[in-house]
Protein backbone atom coordinates (compact mmCIF):
# COMPACT_ATOMS: atom_id res chain seq x y z
CA UNK A 1 84.87 86.91 111.54
CA UNK A 2 85.86 90.53 110.91
CA UNK A 3 89.25 89.42 109.61
CA UNK A 4 87.63 87.14 107.03
CA UNK A 5 85.22 89.89 106.01
CA UNK A 6 88.08 92.36 105.49
CA UNK A 7 90.20 89.83 103.64
CA UNK A 8 87.34 89.01 101.30
CA UNK A 9 86.70 92.70 100.62
CA UNK A 10 90.39 93.28 99.89
CA UNK A 11 90.52 90.32 97.52
CA UNK A 12 87.41 91.51 95.71
CA UNK A 13 88.84 95.04 95.41
CA UNK A 14 92.14 93.67 94.07
CA UNK A 15 90.41 91.47 91.51
CA UNK A 16 88.30 94.40 90.35
CA UNK A 17 90.99 97.07 90.09
CA UNK A 18 94.35 95.33 89.82
CA UNK A 19 93.81 92.54 87.30
CA UNK A 20 96.62 93.93 85.12
CA UNK A 21 98.54 95.66 87.94
CA UNK A 22 98.04 98.89 85.97
CA UNK A 23 95.67 101.78 86.58
CA UNK A 24 95.10 104.85 84.44
CA UNK A 25 94.05 108.02 86.25
CA UNK A 26 90.30 107.43 85.91
CA UNK A 27 90.55 103.86 87.19
CA UNK A 28 92.87 105.05 89.97
CA UNK A 29 90.30 107.61 91.14
CA UNK A 30 87.58 104.98 91.09
CA UNK A 31 89.76 102.50 93.00
CA UNK A 32 90.48 105.07 95.70
CA UNK A 33 86.82 105.99 96.05
CA UNK A 34 85.94 102.31 96.34
CA UNK A 35 88.63 101.71 98.97
CA UNK A 36 87.40 104.71 100.95
CA UNK A 37 83.83 103.42 100.81
CA UNK A 38 84.96 100.01 102.07
CA UNK A 39 86.78 101.63 104.99
CA UNK A 40 83.91 103.97 105.83
CA UNK A 41 81.41 101.10 105.80
CA UNK A 42 83.60 99.07 108.16
CA UNK A 43 84.24 96.34 105.59
CA UNK A 44 88.00 96.88 105.91
CA UNK A 45 90.23 98.33 108.60
CA UNK A 46 92.27 101.51 108.33
CA UNK A 47 95.43 99.47 107.83
CA UNK A 48 93.77 97.49 105.02
CA UNK A 49 92.69 100.79 103.45
CA UNK A 50 96.29 102.04 103.57
CA UNK A 51 97.45 98.86 101.84
CA UNK A 52 94.86 99.33 99.06
CA UNK A 53 95.97 102.93 98.56
CA UNK A 54 99.60 101.80 98.30
CA UNK A 55 98.65 99.17 95.74
CA UNK A 56 96.66 101.71 93.70
CA UNK A 57 99.57 104.19 93.83
CA UNK A 58 102.00 101.55 92.58
CA UNK A 59 99.63 100.51 89.77
CA UNK A 60 99.21 104.14 88.68
CA UNK A 61 102.97 104.68 88.60
CA UNK A 62 103.42 101.62 86.36
CA UNK A 63 101.27 103.30 83.69
CA UNK A 64 103.41 106.44 83.58
């Protein structure tokens, strides 16, 4: 059950922040805060949090 919960949270995060695969700095900051909140609440694992951070980093670099 935890796996499904984490997967759903990751999908929701991705649909919210990575619809265009691009993040400006403000959206990047918000995405990271959201990912941290998901990890702190136990909605996602530490490894899922790392994956979200990597995705956010890549999306920020695409803007530059």
